Amino acid sequence: MKSSDTFKVVLPLALAGESEKYPQKFQELGAEFIARRCESDDDFIALARDADAIITVGSIRPVPRKIIESLEQCRLISNTQIGYDSIDTAAAAERGILVTNVPDYCVGEVSDHAMALILACTRKVVHLDRAVKKGQWGLSASGVEIQQRLWPTMTKLEGQTLGLFGFGRVARALVPKAGGFGMRIIAHDPYVAPEVARQVGVEMVDWKRLLSESDFISIHAALTAETRRIFSHEAFKEMKSTACLINTARGGFVDEAALLQALKEGDIAMAVLDVMDPEPPDPNNPLFTLDNFISTAHSAFYSPASEAERWHRPVLEVARVMRSEWPKAMVNPEAKDKYIARWGQMKEPN
């Protein structure tokens, strides 16, 4: 238990090298900080019941309603990721608990990674490397597999169509990168006005056109009840048999059983998933046995710079709340009235 006048911050996981970043920063703020690996919701509750703020990696340690309803005096849950669907924001709002994310970090890294995966698909980078390591070489007698199986599937990007599912920050950052290769770019996002896309040379299309016209589909949307497993049996049937699916967003967009069938039956040519559902995936996942499937282990977000930013932002949000300021990256503003009723008036952040 903490003393009544101490602002307590908890991190319910203890990833190597991460919890060590915080103690000095929170000491400077006059806050208590505790990091502890929580294997279960009950462990989480025991740690956070009397906490004023929680920092978490939602995809690793979610914050469901059960945990939120056990929190006695929590003011802030700060997620160190862009996505926050693993945190029950509605339950938090009911309790007057503010939820934040880090909405604008790693945009360059993820868009770079998506472009790299597009290139890996069309230029068969991974497959050629595998072939070389098995003793094959293209222009030689040993390179029959390369010559007959890989080379015929390699194309140039110029003139091919990239379909963007979602047109937020990362998708918009990808546009000039793909455009530099001469790709035609279309997008589907019902929450973005078509003129916004036209300003950067992108045509907004409906869902059916995205599926049927794209040579590559790259996912950059928000995961919601509406979009969960939207890439289904029906969606794969609508795609080109030569199409490639790229996912650097969230694993929940893709029905993996449907994807397995689509890749096996040739409904689509290839899939590259940086993210999967669940994570980490089962090592025996049958997708890993397929030659036309690649995974990059949820690495798109990473660079030393983005990682530093990801862990620094929650400290700033905690500091704002401690100064009676609203956090900058609040995702549940509907919590404000109940927050004020419980904790008093707040100022706009500097």
Protein backbone atom coordinates (compact mmCIF):
# COMPACT_ATOMS: atom_id res chain seq x y z
CA MET A 1 0.00 0.00 0.00
CA LYS A 2 1.11 3.56 -0.63
CA SER A 3 0.92 6.59 1.58
CA SER A 4 -2.14 8.74 0.87
CA ASP A 5 -0.18 11.72 -0.49
CA THR A 6 2.05 9.75 -2.88
CA PHE A 7 1.18 9.53 -6.57
CA LYS A 8 1.70 5.87 -7.47
CA VAL A 9 2.52 4.71 -11.00
CA VAL A 10 2.64 1.00 -11.89
CA LEU A 11 3.86 -0.99 -14.88
CA PRO A 12 2.27 -4.48 -14.83
CA LEU A 13 5.03 -6.10 -16.83
CA ALA A 14 8.77 -6.15 -16.49
CA LEU A 15 10.24 -6.39 -19.96
CA ALA A 16 14.02 -6.46 -20.08
CA GLY A 17 15.45 -2.96 -20.29
CA GLU A 18 12.10 -1.17 -20.17
CA SER A 19 11.07 -0.87 -16.56
CA GLU A 20 14.59 0.42 -15.83
CA LYS A 21 13.85 3.58 -17.84
CA TYR A 22 11.27 4.88 -15.40
CA PRO A 23 12.38 5.02 -11.74
CA GLN A 24 14.57 8.10 -11.99
CA LYS A 25 12.03 10.01 -14.09
CA PHE A 26 9.22 9.38 -11.65
CA GLN A 27 11.45 10.09 -8.68
CA GLU A 28 12.09 13.51 -10.21
CA LEU A 29 8.30 14.01 -10.43
CA GLY A 30 7.86 13.00 -6.80
CA ALA A 31 5.96 9.85 -7.74
CA GLU A 32 6.35 6.26 -6.61
CA PHE A 33 6.99 3.76 -9.41
CA ILE A 34 6.62 -0.03 -9.28
CA ALA A 35 7.17 -2.47 -12.15
CA ARG A 36 6.17 -6.07 -11.65
CA ARG A 37 5.46 -8.88 -14.06
CA CYS A 38 1.76 -9.74 -13.78
CA GLU A 39 0.90 -13.16 -15.18
CA SER A 40 -2.85 -12.88 -14.53
CA ASP A 41 -5.60 -10.33 -14.08
CA ASP A 42 -5.53 -11.03 -10.34
CA ASP A 43 -1.80 -10.22 -10.24
CA PHE A 44 -2.53 -7.00 -12.14
CA ILE A 45 -5.30 -6.05 -9.70
CA ALA A 46 -3.09 -6.70 -6.67
CA LEU A 47 -0.44 -4.37 -8.11
CA ALA A 48 -2.70 -1.62 -9.43
CA ARG A 49 -5.65 -1.49 -7.02
CA ASP A 50 -4.37 1.65 -5.27
CA ALA A 51 -2.40 3.09 -8.22
CA ASP A 52 -2.99 6.60 -9.52
CA ALA A 53 -1.65 5.79 -12.98
CA ILE A 54 -0.93 2.66 -15.00
CA ILE A 55 1.51 2.35 -17.88
CA THR A 56 1.07 -0.73 -20.00
CA VAL A 57 1.76 -2.35 -23.35
CA GLY A 58 -1.82 -3.21 -24.13
CA SER A 59 -1.11 -5.96 -26.63
CA ILE A 60 0.94 -7.79 -23.98
CA ARG A 61 -0.94 -6.86 -20.82
CA PRO A 62 -4.52 -5.79 -21.67
CA VAL A 63 -6.71 -3.83 -19.28
CA PRO A 64 -10.22 -5.35 -19.39
CA ARG A 65 -13.31 -4.23 -17.50
CA LYS A 66 -12.59 -6.66 -14.65
CA ILE A 67 -9.35 -4.87 -13.85
CA ILE A 68 -10.73 -1.37 -14.39
CA GLU A 69 -13.63 -1.97 -11.99
CA SER A 70 -11.15 -3.02 -9.29
CA LEU A 71 -9.16 0.23 -9.46
CA GLU A 72 -9.82 2.36 -6.41
CA GLN A 73 -8.21 5.65 -7.36
CA CYS A 74 -6.75 5.36 -10.83
CA ARG A 75 -6.74 8.56 -12.87
CA LEU A 76 -4.81 7.52 -15.97
CA ILE A 77 -4.08 4.43 -18.05
CA SER A 78 -1.32 5.21 -20.54
CA ASN A 79 -0.74 2.73 -23.35
CA THR A 80 2.70 2.79 -24.95
CA GLN A 81 1.30 1.84 -28.37
CA ILE A 82 -0.81 3.42 -31.09
CA GLY A 83 -3.58 0.82 -30.86
CA TYR A 84 -5.66 0.73 -27.70
CA ASP A 85 -8.40 -1.80 -28.43
CA SER A 86 -6.97 -4.05 -25.69
CA ILE A 87 -8.00 -1.45 -23.09
CA ASP A 88 -11.70 -1.17 -22.22
CA THR A 89 -11.98 2.58 -22.75
CA ALA A 90 -15.73 2.56 -22.14
CA ALA A 91 -15.31 0.96 -18.72
CA ALA A 92 -12.57 3.47 -17.96
CA ALA A 93 -14.82 6.38 -18.94
CA GLU A 94 -17.54 5.09 -16.63
CA ARG A 95 -15.04 5.34 -13.77
CA GLY A 96 -13.64 8.71 -14.87
CA ILE A 97 -10.29 7.17 -15.81
CA LEU A 98 -8.43 8.81 -18.70
CA VAL A 99 -6.84 6.57 -21.33
CA THR A 100 -4.00 7.70 -23.57
CA ASN A 101 -1.95 6.22 -26.38
CA VAL A 102 1.08 7.27 -28.44
CA PRO A 103 -0.65 8.10 -31.73
CA ASP A 104 2.12 9.62 -33.80
CA TYR A 105 5.30 7.70 -33.04
CA CYS A 106 7.00 5.20 -35.41
CA VAL A 107 5.14 6.52 -38.47
CA GLY A 108 8.33 6.59 -40.52
CA GLU A 109 9.46 3.19 -39.30
CA VAL A 110 6.16 1.42 -40.04
CA SER A 111 5.75 2.99 -43.46
CA ASP A 112 9.37 2.06 -44.28
CA HIS A 113 8.68 -1.49 -43.14
CA ALA A 114 5.51 -1.73 -45.22
CA MET A 115 7.45 -0.57 -48.27
CA ALA A 116 10.15 -3.14 -47.55
CA LEU A 117 7.53 -5.89 -47.37
CA ILE A 118 6.00 -4.80 -50.66
CA LEU A 119 9.45 -5.06 -52.23
CA ALA A 120 10.03 -8.43 -50.58
CA CYS A 121 6.82 -9.68 -52.18
CA THR A 122 7.49 -8.46 -55.68
CA ARG A 123 11.25 -9.06 -55.82
CA LYS A 124 11.10 -12.35 -53.83
CA VAL A 125 13.95 -11.24 -51.57
CA VAL A 126 13.31 -13.78 -48.81
CA HIS A 127 12.72 -16.66 -51.24
CA LEU A 128 15.89 -15.94 -53.20
CA ASP A 129 17.90 -15.82 -49.98
CA ARG A 130 16.45 -19.19 -48.94
CA ALA A 131 17.34 -20.67 -52.32
CA VAL A 132 20.93 -19.43 -52.17
CA LYS A 133 21.35 -20.94 -48.71
CA LYS A 134 20.19 -24.26 -50.12
CA GLY A 135 23.03 -24.14 -52.67
CA GLN A 136 21.24 -22.61 -55.63
CA TRP A 137 22.34 -19.76 -57.86
CA GLY A 138 20.31 -18.05 -60.54
CA LEU A 139 22.48 -18.15 -63.66
CA SER A 140 23.88 -21.62 -63.15
CA ALA A 141 22.92 -25.26 -63.46
CA SER A 142 22.12 -25.26 -59.72
CA GLY A 143 19.51 -22.54 -60.09
CA VAL A 144 16.70 -24.44 -61.74
CA GLU A 145 14.24 -23.67 -58.93
CA ILE A 146 15.11 -19.99 -59.07
CA GLN A 147 14.82 -19.88 -62.85
CA GLN A 148 11.60 -21.85 -63.12
CA ARG A 149 9.73 -21.00 -59.93
CA LEU A 150 10.91 -17.65 -58.59
CA TRP A 151 11.91 -15.54 -61.56
CA PRO A 152 8.56 -15.97 -63.36
CA THR A 153 6.77 -14.46 -60.34
CA MET A 154 9.02 -11.40 -60.07
CA THR A 155 7.68 -8.12 -61.41
CA LYS A 156 8.46 -4.44 -61.35
CA LEU A 157 6.43 -2.17 -59.09
CA GLU A 158 5.89 0.59 -61.64
CA GLY A 159 2.29 0.57 -62.78
CA GLN A 160 1.05 -1.84 -60.12
CA THR A 161 -1.75 -0.85 -57.75
CA LEU A 162 -1.22 -0.45 -54.03
CA GLY A 163 -4.43 -0.49 -52.02
CA LEU A 164 -4.36 1.10 -48.58
CA PHE A 165 -6.89 -0.13 -46.05
CA GLY A 166 -7.06 2.92 -43.82
CA PHE A 167 -5.67 6.34 -44.64
CA GLY A 168 -4.19 7.65 -41.41
CA ARG A 169 -0.69 8.83 -40.60
CA VAL A 170 1.20 5.69 -41.61
CA ALA A 171 -0.71 5.19 -44.85
CA ARG A 172 -0.11 8.81 -45.83
CA ALA A 173 3.60 8.44 -45.04
CA LEU A 174 3.72 5.38 -47.30
CA VAL A 175 2.20 7.25 -50.28
CA PRO A 176 5.34 9.13 -51.44
CA LYS A 177 7.49 6.05 -50.86
CA ALA A 178 5.29 3.84 -53.03
CA GLY A 179 4.74 6.69 -55.47
CA GLY A 180 8.47 6.91 -55.95
CA PHE A 181 8.34 3.42 -57.44
CA GLY A 182 5.64 4.52 -59.89
CA MET A 183 2.78 2.68 -58.19
CA ARG A 184 -0.85 3.65 -58.62
CA ILE A 185 -2.32 4.14 -55.13
CA ILE A 186 -5.92 3.73 -54.02
CA ALA A 187 -7.34 3.73 -50.50
CA HIS A 188 -10.44 2.74 -48.58
CA ASP A 189 -11.29 4.69 -45.46
CA PRO A 190 -14.90 5.76 -44.82
CA TYR A 191 -13.72 8.23 -42.19
CA VAL A 192 -11.52 10.28 -44.53
CA ALA A 193 -12.94 12.67 -47.13
CA PRO A 194 -12.03 11.77 -50.75
CA GLU A 195 -10.57 15.25 -51.37
CA VAL A 196 -8.00 14.64 -48.61
CA ALA A 197 -6.70 11.64 -50.55
CA ARG A 198 -6.88 13.43 -53.90
CA GLN A 199 -4.58 16.15 -52.59
CA VAL A 200 -1.77 13.56 -52.43
CA GLY A 201 -2.67 11.75 -55.62
CA VAL A 202 -4.63 8.89 -54.06
CA GLU A 203 -8.07 7.76 -55.21
CA MET A 204 -10.59 6.79 -52.54
CA VAL A 205 -12.51 3.64 -53.47
CA ASP A 206 -15.10 1.41 -51.88
CA TRP A 207 -14.27 -1.90 -50.17
CA LYS A 208 -15.07 -4.01 -53.22
CA ARG A 209 -12.83 -1.97 -55.50
CA LEU A 210 -10.00 -2.06 -52.98
CA LEU A 211 -10.12 -5.84 -52.99
CA SER A 212 -10.58 -6.34 -56.72
CA GLU A 213 -8.14 -3.74 -58.08
CA SER A 214 -5.18 -3.98 -55.71
CA ASP A 215 -2.01 -5.88 -56.54
CA PHE A 216 -0.91 -5.21 -52.96
CA ILE A 217 -3.13 -4.40 -49.99
CA SER A 218 -1.42 -2.79 -47.02
CA ILE A 219 -3.40 -2.51 -43.76
CA HIS A 220 -3.21 0.78 -41.82
CA ALA A 221 -6.61 1.10 -40.11
CA ALA A 222 -7.91 1.11 -36.56
CA LEU A 223 -8.95 -2.27 -35.20
CA THR A 224 -12.60 -2.11 -34.15
CA ALA A 225 -15.51 -4.51 -33.89
CA GLU A 226 -16.36 -3.51 -37.46
CA THR A 227 -12.90 -4.22 -38.88
CA ARG A 228 -11.91 -7.27 -36.83
CA ARG A 229 -11.23 -10.21 -39.19
CA ILE A 230 -12.46 -8.15 -42.13
CA PHE A 231 -9.93 -10.00 -44.27
CA SER A 232 -12.05 -13.13 -44.38
CA HIS A 233 -12.82 -16.01 -46.75
CA GLU A 234 -15.14 -13.69 -48.67
CA ALA A 235 -12.55 -10.92 -48.90
CA PHE A 236 -9.81 -13.22 -50.18
CA LYS A 237 -12.15 -14.55 -52.86
CA GLU A 238 -12.60 -10.97 -54.11
CA MET A 239 -8.84 -10.30 -54.37
CA LYS A 240 -6.64 -10.97 -57.37
CA SER A 241 -5.00 -14.39 -57.39
CA THR A 242 -1.69 -12.55 -57.88
CA ALA A 243 -2.27 -10.14 -54.97
CA CYS A 244 -0.17 -9.81 -51.83
CA LEU A 245 -1.51 -8.89 -48.39
CA ILE A 246 0.69 -6.76 -46.11
CA ASN A 247 -0.20 -6.19 -42.44
CA THR A 248 1.89 -3.92 -40.23
CA ALA A 249 -1.10 -2.73 -38.16
CA ARG A 250 -2.83 -5.24 -35.86
CA GLY A 251 -3.19 -9.00 -36.16
CA GLY A 252 -6.93 -8.94 -35.55
CA PHE A 253 -7.73 -7.62 -39.02
CA VAL A 254 -6.97 -11.01 -40.58
CA ASP A 255 -8.87 -14.26 -40.20
CA GLU A 256 -5.81 -16.51 -40.12
CA ALA A 257 -7.74 -19.69 -40.88
CA ALA A 258 -9.20 -18.01 -43.96
CA LEU A 259 -5.75 -16.73 -44.93
CA LEU A 260 -4.28 -20.21 -44.65
CA GLN A 261 -6.93 -21.55 -46.99
CA ALA A 262 -6.54 -18.64 -49.42
CA LEU A 263 -2.76 -19.12 -49.64
CA LYS A 264 -3.07 -22.87 -50.06
CA GLU A 265 -5.77 -22.65 -52.72
CA GLY A 266 -4.22 -19.76 -54.65
CA ASP A 267 -6.94 -17.19 -53.94
CA ILE A 268 -4.07 -14.77 -53.27
CA ALA A 269 -0.39 -15.15 -54.06
CA MET A 270 1.32 -14.15 -50.83
CA ALA A 271 0.92 -12.65 -47.37
CA VAL A 272 3.44 -10.87 -45.17
CA LEU A 273 2.27 -10.31 -41.60
CA ASP A 274 4.33 -8.30 -39.19
CA VAL A 275 1.54 -8.76 -36.64
CA MET A 276 -0.57 -11.80 -35.79
CA ASP A 277 -3.43 -12.76 -33.48
CA PRO A 278 -2.67 -13.90 -30.84
CA GLU A 279 0.88 -12.81 -30.14
CA PRO A 280 3.22 -14.48 -29.80
CA PRO A 281 1.77 -16.98 -32.27
CA ASP A 282 1.83 -20.72 -31.75
CA PRO A 283 5.15 -21.98 -33.19
CA ASN A 284 3.11 -24.76 -34.82
CA ASN A 285 0.85 -22.31 -36.65
CA PRO A 286 0.34 -23.92 -40.08
CA LEU A 287 0.94 -20.59 -41.81
CA PHE A 288 4.62 -21.03 -40.97
CA THR A 289 4.79 -24.11 -43.15
CA LEU A 290 3.80 -22.18 -46.29
CA ASP A 291 6.38 -20.91 -48.76
CA ASN A 292 4.17 -17.96 -49.70
CA PHE A 293 3.88 -16.64 -46.16
CA ILE A 294 6.40 -14.43 -44.33
CA SER A 295 6.29 -12.99 -40.82
CA THR A 296 8.54 -10.30 -39.39
CA ALA A 297 7.73 -10.77 -35.68
CA HIS A 298 6.01 -7.45 -34.86
CA SER A 299 9.12 -5.45 -35.67
CA ALA A 300 7.78 -2.69 -37.97
CA PHE A 301 7.53 -0.14 -35.17
CA TYR A 302 11.09 -0.46 -34.00
CA SER A 303 14.05 1.85 -34.20
CA PRO A 304 16.09 3.17 -31.27
CA ALA A 305 14.48 6.58 -31.80
CA SER A 306 10.90 5.31 -31.89
CA GLU A 307 11.45 3.08 -28.89
CA ALA A 308 12.75 6.01 -26.84
CA GLU A 309 9.74 8.07 -27.88
CA ARG A 310 7.30 5.27 -27.03
CA TRP A 311 8.53 5.03 -23.45
CA HIS A 312 9.00 8.76 -22.90
CA ARG A 313 5.45 9.83 -23.81
CA PRO A 314 3.66 8.14 -20.88
CA VAL A 315 5.94 9.94 -18.44
CA LEU A 316 4.86 13.25 -19.96
CA GLU A 317 1.20 12.25 -19.72
CA VAL A 318 1.57 11.28 -16.05
CA ALA A 319 3.34 14.57 -15.36
CA ARG A 320 0.46 16.49 -16.95
CA VAL A 321 -2.14 14.71 -14.83
CA MET A 322 -0.05 15.37 -11.73
CA ARG A 323 -0.12 19.08 -12.66
CA SER A 324 -3.93 18.93 -13.09
CA GLU A 325 -3.62 19.19 -16.89
CA TRP A 326 -5.46 17.06 -19.41
CA PRO A 327 -3.20 14.57 -21.18
CA LYS A 328 -2.50 15.35 -24.84
CA ALA A 329 -3.26 11.96 -26.39
CA MET A 330 -6.56 11.13 -24.67
CA VAL A 331 -8.63 8.51 -26.51
CA ASN A 332 -11.73 8.59 -24.26
CA PRO A 333 -12.66 12.27 -23.76
CA GLU A 334 -16.09 11.09 -22.59
CA ALA A 335 -14.36 10.37 -19.26
CA LYS A 336 -13.78 14.06 -18.57
CA ASP A 337 -16.99 14.89 -16.69
CA LYS A 338 -16.64 12.02 -14.23
CA TYR A 339 -12.94 12.75 -13.85
CA ILE A 340 -13.69 16.37 -12.91
CA ALA A 341 -16.44 15.27 -10.50
CA ARG A 342 -13.97 13.08 -8.69
CA TRP A 343 -10.67 14.93 -8.96
CA GLY A 344 -11.52 18.55 -9.72
CA GLN A 345 -11.02 20.93 -12.61
CA MET A 346 -8.23 20.41 -15.13
CA LYS A 347 -6.30 22.81 -17.34
CA GLU A 348 -5.49 22.41 -21.00
CA PRO A 349 -1.95 21.09 -21.50
CA ASN A 350 0.91 23.41 -22.42
